[in-house]
């Protein structure tokens, strides 16, 4: 999997993850008012239940400056949605 992770592309990946996170139904989690911190972008080569290779974008969710969870977005090389995971 060949992806370019220069600063512009990283920002596009993070913005894609933020947009997907903000589309989650707020009833899924207790409080939708989070500070969102861009945490990491990784390329997954082998995974048990996510089709690979793919890109994993991780956002950290903060409430009152304390970590309350993580949001993971999985996309293919064309930045098309594969899966997402919200851990609170």
PDB file of N, CA and C in Angstrom:
ATOM      1  N   UNK A   1       0.859  -1.172   0.000  1.00  0.00           N
ATOM      2  CA  UNK A   1       0.000   0.000   0.000  1.00  0.00           C
ATOM      3  C   UNK A   1       0.894   1.220   0.000  1.00  0.00           C
ATOM      4  N   UNK A   2       0.729   2.061  -0.978  1.00  0.00           N
ATOM      5  CA  UNK A   2       1.561   3.245  -1.098  1.00  0.00           C
ATOM      6  C   UNK A   2       0.711   4.484  -0.852  1.00  0.00           C
ATOM      7  N   UNK A   3       0.936   5.135   0.282  1.00  0.00           N
ATOM      8  CA  UNK A   3       0.233   6.390   0.572  1.00  0.00           C
ATOM      9  C   UNK A   3       1.263   7.441   0.925  1.00  0.00           C
ATOM     10  N   UNK A   4       0.922   8.674   0.639  1.00  0.00           N
ATOM     11  CA  UNK A   4       1.791   9.801   0.944  1.00  0.00           C
ATOM     12  C   UNK A   4       1.295  10.435   2.237  1.00  0.00           C
ATOM     13  N   UNK A   5       2.180  10.594   3.207  1.00  0.00           N
ATOM     14  CA  UNK A   5       1.772  11.177   4.487  1.00  0.00           C
ATOM     15  C   UNK A   5       2.507  12.484   4.757  1.00  0.00           C
ATOM     16  N   UNK A   6       2.578  13.341   3.733  1.00  0.00           N
ATOM     17  CA  UNK A   6       3.122  14.665   4.003  1.00  0.00           C
ATOM     18  C   UNK A   6       2.109  15.432   4.854  1.00  0.00           C
ATOM     19  N   UNK A   7       2.467  16.589   5.328  1.00  0.00           N
ATOM     20  CA  UNK A   7       1.600  17.302   6.281  1.00  0.00           C
ATOM     21  C   UNK A   7       0.215  17.607   5.711  1.00  0.00           C
ATOM     22  N   UNK A   8       0.117  17.906   4.434  1.00  0.00           N
ATOM     23  CA  UNK A   8      -1.190  18.186   3.823  1.00  0.00           C
ATOM     24  C   UNK A   8      -2.054  16.933   3.808  1.00  0.00           C
ATOM     25  N   UNK A   9      -1.475  15.805   3.415  1.00  0.00           N
ATOM     26  CA  UNK A   9      -2.232  14.561   3.380  1.00  0.00           C
ATOM     27  C   UNK A   9      -2.637  14.111   4.777  1.00  0.00           C
ATOM     28  N   UNK A  10      -1.753  14.272   5.750  1.00  0.00           N
ATOM     29  CA  UNK A  10      -2.106  13.910   7.133  1.00  0.00           C
ATOM     30  C   UNK A  10      -3.311  14.718   7.591  1.00  0.00           C
ATOM     31  N   UNK A  11      -3.319  15.997   7.297  1.00  0.00           N
ATOM     32  CA  UNK A  11      -4.453  16.842   7.686  1.00  0.00           C
ATOM     33  C   UNK A  11      -5.737  16.387   7.014  1.00  0.00           C
ATOM     34  N   UNK A  12      -5.654  15.942   5.769  1.00  0.00           N
ATOM     35  CA  UNK A  12      -6.847  15.443   5.068  1.00  0.00           C
ATOM     36  C   UNK A  12      -7.366  14.165   5.726  1.00  0.00           C
ATOM     37  N   UNK A  13      -6.452  13.280   6.112  1.00  0.00           N
ATOM     38  CA  UNK A  13      -6.868  12.049   6.806  1.00  0.00           C
ATOM     39  C   UNK A  13      -7.524  12.388   8.152  1.00  0.00           C
ATOM     40  N   UNK A  14      -6.894  13.282   8.910  1.00  0.00           N
ATOM     41  CA  UNK A  14      -7.474  13.658  10.203  1.00  0.00           C
ATOM     42  C   UNK A  14      -8.831  14.330  10.023  1.00  0.00           C
ATOM     43  N   UNK A  15      -8.972  15.189   9.030  1.00  0.00           N
ATOM     44  CA  UNK A  15     -10.256  15.855   8.803  1.00  0.00           C
ATOM     45  C   UNK A  15     -11.325  14.850   8.398  1.00  0.00           C
ATOM     46  N   UNK A  16     -10.947  13.871   7.600  1.00  0.00           N
ATOM     47  CA  UNK A  16     -11.880  12.808   7.227  1.00  0.00           C
ATOM     48  C   UNK A  16     -12.374  12.070   8.472  1.00  0.00           C
ATOM     49  N   UNK A  17     -11.461  11.740   9.388  1.00  0.00           N
ATOM     50  CA  UNK A  17     -11.834  11.051  10.626  1.00  0.00           C
ATOM     51  C   UNK A  17     -12.735  11.926  11.495  1.00  0.00           C
ATOM     52  N   UNK A  18     -12.418  13.204  11.595  1.00  0.00           N
ATOM     53  CA  UNK A  18     -13.246  14.129  12.392  1.00  0.00           C
ATOM     54  C   UNK A  18     -14.651  14.214  11.800  1.00  0.00           C
ATOM     55  N   UNK A  19     -14.734  14.324  10.480  1.00  0.00           N
ATOM     56  CA  UNK A  19     -16.045  14.393   9.826  1.00  0.00           C
ATOM     57  C   UNK A  19     -16.862  13.121  10.087  1.00  0.00           C
ATOM     58  N   UNK A  20     -16.218  11.963   9.988  1.00  0.00           N
ATOM     59  CA  UNK A  20     -16.929  10.700  10.251  1.00  0.00           C
ATOM     60  C   UNK A  20     -17.350  10.601  11.708  1.00  0.00           C
ATOM     61  N   UNK A  21     -16.476  11.009  12.624  1.00  0.00           N
ATOM     62  CA  UNK A  21     -16.822  10.977  14.046  1.00  0.00           C
ATOM     63  C   UNK A  21     -18.028  11.869  14.330  1.00  0.00           C
ATOM     64  N   UNK A  22     -18.053  13.045  13.729  1.00  0.00           N
ATOM     65  CA  UNK A  22     -19.157  13.978  13.974  1.00  0.00           C
ATOM     66  C   UNK A  22     -20.469  13.506  13.357  1.00  0.00           C
ATOM     67  N   UNK A  23     -20.421  12.501  12.494  1.00  0.00           N
ATOM     68  CA  UNK A  23     -21.641  11.938  11.917  1.00  0.00           C
ATOM     69  C   UNK A  23     -22.220  10.787  12.736  1.00  0.00           C
ATOM     70  N   UNK A  24     -21.516  10.387  13.799  1.00  0.00           N
ATOM     71  CA  UNK A  24     -22.036   9.329  14.670  1.00  0.00           C
ATOM     72  C   UNK A  24     -23.243   9.876  15.425  1.00  0.00           C
ATOM     73  N   UNK A  25     -24.275   9.065  15.577  1.00  0.00           N
ATOM     74  CA  UNK A  25     -25.461   9.442  16.341  1.00  0.00           C
ATOM     75  C   UNK A  25     -25.053   9.702  17.792  1.00  0.00           C
ATOM     76  N   UNK A  26     -25.279  10.907  18.322  1.00  0.00           N
ATOM     77  CA  UNK A  26     -24.862  11.217  19.697  1.00  0.00           C
ATOM     78  C   UNK A  26     -25.492  10.314  20.745  1.00  0.00           C
ATOM     79  N   UNK A  27     -26.549   9.597  20.403  1.00  0.00           N
ATOM     80  CA  UNK A  27     -27.156   8.676  21.359  1.00  0.00           C
ATOM     81  C   UNK A  27     -26.265   7.464  21.610  1.00  0.00           C
ATOM     82  N   UNK A  28     -25.276   7.264  20.726  1.00  0.00           N
ATOM     83  CA  UNK A  28     -24.372   6.126  20.866  1.00  0.00           C
ATOM     84  C   UNK A  28     -23.458   6.308  22.077  1.00  0.00           C
ATOM     85  N   UNK A  29     -23.136   7.517  22.415  1.00  0.00           N
ATOM     86  CA  UNK A  29     -22.278   7.783  23.563  1.00  0.00           C
ATOM     87  C   UNK A  29     -22.937   8.842  24.441  1.00  0.00           C
ATOM     88  N   UNK A  30     -22.485   8.932  25.683  1.00  0.00           N
ATOM     89  CA  UNK A  30     -23.158   9.756  26.685  1.00  0.00           C
ATOM     90  C   UNK A  30     -23.117  11.248  26.393  1.00  0.00           C
ATOM     91  N   UNK A  31     -21.973  11.773  26.015  1.00  0.00           N
ATOM     92  CA  UNK A  31     -21.835  13.216  25.858  1.00  0.00           C
ATOM     93  C   UNK A  31     -21.081  13.504  24.570  1.00  0.00           C
ATOM     94  N   UNK A  32     -21.686  14.277  23.698  1.00  0.00           N
ATOM     95  CA  UNK A  32     -21.079  14.539  22.402  1.00  0.00           C
ATOM     96  C   UNK A  32     -20.125  15.730  22.410  1.00  0.00           C
ATOM     97  N   UNK A  33     -19.925  16.366  23.542  1.00  0.00           N
ATOM     98  CA  UNK A  33     -19.062  17.540  23.617  1.00  0.00           C
ATOM     99  C   UNK A  33     -17.644  17.125  24.004  1.00  0.00           C
ATOM    100  N   UNK A  34     -16.841  16.773  23.002  1.00  0.00           N
ATOM    101  CA  UNK A  34     -15.467  16.342  23.222  1.00  0.00           C
ATOM    102  C   UNK A  34     -14.508  17.327  22.584  1.00  0.00           C
ATOM    103  N   UNK A  35     -13.335  17.432  23.143  1.00  0.00           N
ATOM    104  CA  UNK A  35     -12.224  18.046  22.429  1.00  0.00           C
ATOM    105  C   UNK A  35     -11.584  16.901  21.654  1.00  0.00           C
ATOM    106  N   UNK A  36     -11.368  17.094  20.376  1.00  0.00           N
ATOM    107  CA  UNK A  36     -10.831  16.039  19.520  1.00  0.00           C
ATOM    108  C   UNK A  36      -9.369  16.344  19.227  1.00  0.00           C
ATOM    109  N   UNK A  37      -8.490  15.382  19.519  1.00  0.00           N
ATOM    110  CA  UNK A  37      -7.065  15.538  19.297  1.00  0.00           C
ATOM    111  C   UNK A  37      -6.613  14.512  18.257  1.00  0.00           C
ATOM    112  N   UNK A  38      -5.992  14.972  17.193  1.00  0.00           N
ATOM    113  CA  UNK A  38      -5.432  14.070  16.189  1.00  0.00           C
ATOM    114  C   UNK A  38      -4.269  13.334  16.824  1.00  0.00           C
ATOM    115  N   UNK A  39      -4.322  12.000  16.799  1.00  0.00           N
ATOM    116  CA  UNK A  39      -3.334  11.224  17.538  1.00  0.00           C
ATOM    117  C   UNK A  39      -2.351  10.493  16.635  1.00  0.00           C
ATOM    118  N   UNK A  40      -2.835   9.688  15.684  1.00  0.00           N
ATOM    119  CA  UNK A  40      -1.894   8.928  14.851  1.00  0.00           C
ATOM    120  C   UNK A  40      -2.549   8.439  13.569  1.00  0.00           C
ATOM    121  N   UNK A  41      -1.686   8.149  12.599  1.00  0.00           N
ATOM    122  CA  UNK A  41      -2.098   7.521  11.345  1.00  0.00           C
ATOM    123  C   UNK A  41      -1.162   6.341  11.140  1.00  0.00           C
ATOM    124  N   UNK A  42      -1.743   5.175  10.902  1.00  0.00           N
ATOM    125  CA  UNK A  42      -0.952   3.959  10.733  1.00  0.00           C
ATOM    126  C   UNK A  42      -1.441   3.189   9.520  1.00  0.00           C
ATOM    127  N   UNK A  43      -0.549   2.404   8.967  1.00  0.00           N
ATOM    128  CA  UNK A  43      -0.927   1.486   7.896  1.00  0.00           C
ATOM    129  C   UNK A  43      -1.007   0.094   8.513  1.00  0.00           C
ATOM    130  N   UNK A  44      -2.177  -0.526   8.418  1.00  0.00           N
ATOM    131  CA  UNK A  44      -2.361  -1.880   8.928  1.00  0.00           C
ATOM    132  C   UNK A  44      -2.055  -2.869   7.813  1.00  0.00           C
ATOM    133  N   UNK A  45      -1.199  -3.797   8.106  1.00  0.00           N
ATOM    134  CA  UNK A  45      -0.810  -4.815   7.141  1.00  0.00           C
ATOM    135  C   UNK A  45      -1.574  -6.114   7.397  1.00  0.00           C
ATOM    136  N   UNK A  46      -1.777  -6.438   8.684  1.00  0.00           N
ATOM    137  CA  UNK A  46      -2.430  -7.690   9.048  1.00  0.00           C
ATOM    138  C   UNK A  46      -3.316  -7.432  10.257  1.00  0.00           C
ATOM    139  N   UNK A  47      -4.578  -7.805  10.159  1.00  0.00           N
ATOM    140  CA  UNK A  47      -5.516  -7.589  11.254  1.00  0.00           C
ATOM    141  C   UNK A  47      -6.553  -8.692  11.217  1.00  0.00           C
ATOM    142  N   UNK A  48      -7.031  -9.096  12.382  1.00  0.00           N
ATOM    143  CA  UNK A  48      -7.977 -10.208  12.461  1.00  0.00           C
ATOM    144  C   UNK A  48      -9.331  -9.924  11.812  1.00  0.00           C
ATOM    145  N   UNK A  49      -9.890  -8.727  12.018  1.00  0.00           N
ATOM    146  CA  UNK A  49     -11.243  -8.492  11.510  1.00  0.00           C
ATOM    147  C   UNK A  49     -11.388  -7.246  10.644  1.00  0.00           C
ATOM    148  N   UNK A  50     -10.311  -6.537  10.354  1.00  0.00           N
ATOM    149  CA  UNK A  50     -10.348  -5.386   9.448  1.00  0.00           C
ATOM    150  C   UNK A  50      -9.661  -5.803   8.149  1.00  0.00           C
ATOM    151  N   UNK A  51     -10.314  -5.595   6.990  1.00  0.00           N
ATOM    152  CA  UNK A  51      -9.650  -5.919   5.720  1.00  0.00           C
ATOM    153  C   UNK A  51      -8.359  -5.111   5.567  1.00  0.00           C
ATOM    154  N   UNK A  52      -7.294  -5.781   5.235  1.00  0.00           N
ATOM    155  CA  UNK A  52      -6.009  -5.101   5.113  1.00  0.00           C
ATOM    156  C   UNK A  52      -5.442  -5.322   3.724  1.00  0.00           C
ATOM    157  N   UNK A  53      -4.547  -4.490   3.259  1.00  0.00           N
ATOM    158  CA  UNK A  53      -3.984  -3.336   3.957  1.00  0.00           C
ATOM    159  C   UNK A  53      -4.977  -2.176   3.974  1.00  0.00           C
ATOM    160  N   UNK A  54      -4.845  -1.348   4.997  1.00  0.00           N
ATOM    161  CA  UNK A  54      -5.687  -0.164   5.110  1.00  0.00           C
ATOM    162  C   UNK A  54      -4.996   0.870   5.993  1.00  0.00           C
ATOM    163  N   UNK A  55      -5.605   2.033   6.075  1.00  0.00           N
ATOM    164  CA  UNK A  55      -5.082   3.120   6.892  1.00  0.00           C
ATOM    165  C   UNK A  55      -5.956   3.235   8.133  1.00  0.00           C
ATOM    166  N   UNK A  56      -5.316   3.303   9.300  1.00  0.00           N
ATOM    167  CA  UNK A  56      -6.017   3.506  10.569  1.00  0.00           C
ATOM    168  C   UNK A  56      -5.724   4.929  11.035  1.00  0.00           C
ATOM    169  N   UNK A  57      -6.775   5.706  11.258  1.00  0.00           N
ATOM    170  CA  UNK A  57      -6.642   7.067  11.758  1.00  0.00           C
ATOM    171  C   UNK A  57      -7.211   7.084  13.166  1.00  0.00           C
ATOM    172  N   UNK A  58      -6.410   7.533  14.119  1.00  0.00           N
ATOM    173  CA  UNK A  58      -6.826   7.531  15.526  1.00  0.00           C
ATOM    174  C   UNK A  58      -7.002   8.964  16.015  1.00  0.00           C
ATOM    175  N   UNK A  59      -8.155   9.204  16.625  1.00  0.00           N
ATOM    176  CA  UNK A  59      -8.439  10.475  17.297  1.00  0.00           C
ATOM    177  C   UNK A  59      -8.604  10.198  18.786  1.00  0.00           C
ATOM    178  N   UNK A  60      -8.078  11.078  19.601  1.00  0.00           N
ATOM    179  CA  UNK A  60      -8.260  10.957  21.053  1.00  0.00           C
ATOM    180  C   UNK A  60      -9.351  11.929  21.471  1.00  0.00           C
ATOM    181  N   UNK A  61     -10.255  11.473  22.320  1.00  0.00           N
ATOM    182  CA  UNK A  61     -11.385  12.286  22.771  1.00  0.00           C
ATOM    183  C   UNK A  61     -11.129  12.729  24.209  1.00  0.00           C
ATOM    184  N   UNK A  62     -11.205  14.037  24.437  1.00  0.00           N
ATOM    185  CA  UNK A  62     -10.956  14.597  25.765  1.00  0.00           C
ATOM    186  C   UNK A  62     -12.195  15.314  26.271  1.00  0.00           C
ATOM    187  N   UNK A  63     -12.403  15.228  27.562  1.00  0.00           N
ATOM    188  CA  UNK A  63     -13.467  15.970  28.250  1.00  0.00           C
ATOM    189  C   UNK A  63     -12.833  16.566  29.495  1.00  0.00           C
ATOM    190  N   UNK A  64     -12.883  17.875  29.621  1.00  0.00           N
ATOM    191  CA  UNK A  64     -12.247  18.572  30.747  1.00  0.00           C
ATOM    192  C   UNK A  64     -10.766  18.192  30.853  1.00  0.00           C
ATOM    193  N   UNK A  65     -10.092  18.147  29.706  1.00  0.00           N
ATOM    194  CA  UNK A  65      -8.664  17.847  29.587  1.00  0.00           C
ATOM    195  C   UNK A  65      -8.291  16.442  30.063  1.00  0.00           C
ATOM    196  N   UNK A  66      -9.261  15.547  30.160  1.00  0.00           N
ATOM    197  CA  UNK A  66      -9.000  14.156  30.529  1.00  0.00           C
ATOM    198  C   UNK A  66      -9.444  13.253  29.382  1.00  0.00           C
ATOM    199  N   UNK A  67      -8.627  12.253  29.096  1.00  0.00           N
ATOM    200  CA  UNK A  67      -8.965  11.318  28.026  1.00  0.00           C
ATOM    201  C   UNK A  67     -10.216  10.531  28.398  1.00  0.00           C
ATOM    202  N   UNK A  68     -11.182  10.545  27.488  1.00  0.00           N
ATOM    203  CA  UNK A  68     -12.415   9.800  27.720  1.00  0.00           C
ATOM    204  C   UNK A  68     -12.607   8.672  26.715  1.00  0.00           C
ATOM    205  N   UNK A  69     -11.782   8.665  25.668  1.00  0.00           N
ATOM    206  CA  UNK A  69     -11.920   7.594  24.692  1.00  0.00           C
ATOM    207  C   UNK A  69     -11.091   7.831  23.455  1.00  0.00           C
ATOM    208  N   UNK A  70     -11.238   6.916  22.517  1.00  0.00           N
ATOM    209  CA  UNK A  70     -10.569   6.993  21.218  1.00  0.00           C
ATOM    210  C   UNK A  70     -11.562   6.665  20.128  1.00  0.00           C
ATOM    211  N   UNK A  71     -11.363   7.296  18.990  1.00  0.00           N
ATOM    212  CA  UNK A  71     -12.130   6.983  17.789  1.00  0.00           C
ATOM    213  C   UNK A  71     -11.135   6.526  16.729  1.00  0.00           C
ATOM    214  N   UNK A  72     -11.421   5.391  16.094  1.00  0.00           N
ATOM    215  CA  UNK A  72     -10.578   4.851  15.042  1.00  0.00           C
ATOM    216  C   UNK A  72     -11.384   4.794  13.754  1.00  0.00           C
ATOM    217  N   UNK A  73     -10.799   5.299  12.688  1.00  0.00           N
ATOM    218  CA  UNK A  73     -11.408   5.208  11.366  1.00  0.00           C
ATOM    219  C   UNK A  73     -10.470   4.401  10.486  1.00  0.00           C
ATOM    220  N   UNK A  74     -11.028   3.444   9.752  1.00  0.00           N
ATOM    221  CA  UNK A  74     -10.264   2.601   8.842  1.00  0.00           C
ATOM    222  C   UNK A  74     -10.721   2.899   7.420  1.00  0.00           C
ATOM    223  N   UNK A  75      -9.776   3.263   6.552  1.00  0.00           N
ATOM    224  CA  UNK A  75     -10.081   3.578   5.158  1.00  0.00           C
ATOM    225  C   UNK A  75      -9.100   2.846   4.251  1.00  0.00           C
ATOM    226  N   UNK A  76      -9.520   2.662   2.989  1.00  0.00           N
ATOM    227  CA  UNK A  76      -8.609   2.046   2.029  1.00  0.00           C
ATOM    228  C   UNK A  76      -7.706   3.115   1.420  1.00  0.00           C
ATOM    229  N   UNK A  77      -6.886   2.726   0.461  1.00  0.00           N
ATOM    230  CA  UNK A  77      -5.923   3.658  -0.120  1.00  0.00           C
ATOM    231  C   UNK A  77      -6.591   4.814  -0.861  1.00  0.00           C
ATOM    232  N   UNK A  78      -7.865   4.664  -1.214  1.00  0.00           N
ATOM    233  CA  UNK A  78      -8.613   5.737  -1.875  1.00  0.00           C
ATOM    234  C   UNK A  78      -9.408   6.581  -0.881  1.00  0.00           C
ATOM    235  N   UNK A  79      -9.123   6.394   0.397  1.00  0.00           N
ATOM    236  CA  UNK A  79      -9.795   7.104   1.494  1.00  0.00           C
ATOM    237  C   UNK A  79     -11.288   6.778   1.558  1.00  0.00           C
ATOM    238  N   UNK A  80     -11.637   5.561   1.131  1.00  0.00           N
ATOM    239  CA  UNK A  80     -13.025   5.110   1.214  1.00  0.00           C
ATOM    240  C   UNK A  80     -13.222   4.328   2.504  1.00  0.00           C
ATOM    241  N   UNK A  81     -14.348   4.547   3.139  1.00  0.00           N
ATOM    242  CA  UNK A  81     -14.686   3.967   4.436  1.00  0.00           C
ATOM    243  C   UNK A  81     -14.615   2.438   4.407  1.00  0.00           C
ATOM    244  N   UNK A  82     -13.942   1.883   5.429  1.00  0.00           N
ATOM    245  CA  UNK A  82     -13.950   0.443   5.646  1.00  0.00           C
ATOM    246  C   UNK A  82     -14.702   0.126   6.947  1.00  0.00           C
ATOM    247  N   UNK A  83     -14.295   0.792   8.040  1.00  0.00           N
ATOM    248  CA  UNK A  83     -14.913   0.533   9.339  1.00  0.00           C
ATOM    249  C   UNK A  83     -14.547   1.669  10.284  1.00  0.00           C
ATOM    250  N   UNK A  84     -15.219   1.680  11.428  1.00  0.00           N
ATOM    251  CA  UNK A  84     -14.911   2.652  12.472  1.00  0.00           C
ATOM    252  C   UNK A  84     -15.124   1.988  13.825  1.00  0.00           C
ATOM    253  N   UNK A  85     -14.479   2.547  14.836  1.00  0.00           N
ATOM    254  CA  UNK A  85     -14.574   1.996  16.183  1.00  0.00           C
ATOM    255  C   UNK A  85     -14.491   3.142  17.169  1.00  0.00           C
ATOM    256  N   UNK A  86     -15.454   3.215  18.077  1.00  0.00           N
ATOM    257  CA  UNK A  86     -15.461   4.211  19.147  1.00  0.00           C
ATOM    258  C   UNK A  86     -15.269   3.479  20.461  1.00  0.00           C
ATOM    259  N   UNK A  87     -14.207   3.805  21.180  1.00  0.00           N
ATOM    260  CA  UNK A  87     -13.895   3.176  22.452  1.00  0.00           C
ATOM    261  C   UNK A  87     -13.988   4.244  23.539  1.00  0.00           C
ATOM    262  N   UNK A  88     -14.937   4.085  24.447  1.00  0.00           N
ATOM    263  CA  UNK A  88     -15.083   5.073  25.532  1.00  0.00           C
ATOM    264  C   UNK A  88     -14.978   4.387  26.872  1.00  0.00           C
TER     265      UNK A  88
END
